[in-house]
Each structure stands twice: as structure tokens, then as C-alpha cells.
Amino acid sequence: MYVDDGLFIVSTPRNWANMPLAISSVLKGLHDWAANMGIKIDDAKTECLHLYHSPRSPCLPIPGVTVPARAMKWLGITIAATTTAITYLDHVKDRCSKALQALGTIHTLAGMHGGAPIPVLSRFFTAIFRPRILYASPVWLHTEREGLFRRIRTAERRALLLITRAHRTTRTSLLYALV
């Protein structure tokens, strides 16, 4: 049996030299426990996200662990670490991209002449487009930086212009009111 999406956090107060040893120790204990439970841990999928307080904190190599360059995906959420914070910008970019892929369906439903009425397209926006963008938003919304909301507003504006068949110079607030 395999286990998916496990997470453990190892912390050492300002003693970076001991971090690889601490993580190796925790991993060994985790492997022993898993073996006793009849579970196998796939070392090839084991990742380590290094969270640090200053750029001088080294990212030390840990035997048997892949250290991602910048971010890792856990339970569908892309988490990135910088020198100042944990960021979710990569996650929002990915979610906006997936939501924008749904625009092809809206475009088909809207049609060039006639097409589905705005209330039907509005339901598509509410039921399919928005949930794709806002996936896991309770996790990342509190860390909001203006860049996250700007990306979301841009993607939503593209969908709203298509749904309402409005001119691109139409105010965004009016587009929201129409839908």
C-alpha cells in the first residue's frame, strides 16, 4: 500500500547545520513506522520545501530527498517559498490558466450571432469558471498581494466580456452588474 500527500514539518531554531540531520532522522522514523503499518513511502516522490528567514540561510542537501528549486504542489495547491514569505502566486497563475481554458466552452455557447442568453452563460461563469479560479482560496486568500487579485480580475474580465458580448472598453464593474 502507498500513501499519498503526507506532510511533516521539521523546525530547528537558527541551527541550519543540523537541519539535514534532523530531517533524515524524521524520515528514518517515518519509514520505520510505515514499514510496521505495511505502507511503503516512495522516496522518488519525497520533496522538501525549504522555508527560511533570510537569504543567507543555506538550502542544505538532504540524502534521498528531492529539493524543489522554488515550489512544490501539495493537495493541488502550489506553495512557493521566498526569503520573506510563503507565496501562492504560482497557484493562482495555474488556476487562472485552467479557468481560461473554459473560455472555449463559453465562446461556443455564446456564439457570434444569437447564442445562449446571458443568464445561461452567467450560470456557466458561476458554476465552472469561478470555482476553477478560487480553488483552495481559503488557504491563499489571507496572504493576498495585489498581484493575485489582478490576475483573477483579468481572467474574470475576459470571461465577462465574452458572456455579455460587451465592448472591451466597458467598465468591469458594469460587467459584474450585468452577470
Foldseek 3Di string as FASTA:
>chain_A
DEDPQDDDDDDDPVPLVCVLVRVVVVVVVVQVVCVVVVYHYDLVPAEDEDAEQAPPRDDDDHPSHHYDPFWDAGPLFIWGHDNHGIARQVSLVVLLVVLLVCLVVLLVQCDPPRGDALVVLVVCCVPPNVCSNCPVVVVHVVVDDVSSVVSVLVSVLVSLCSSVVDDSVDDSVVSVVVD
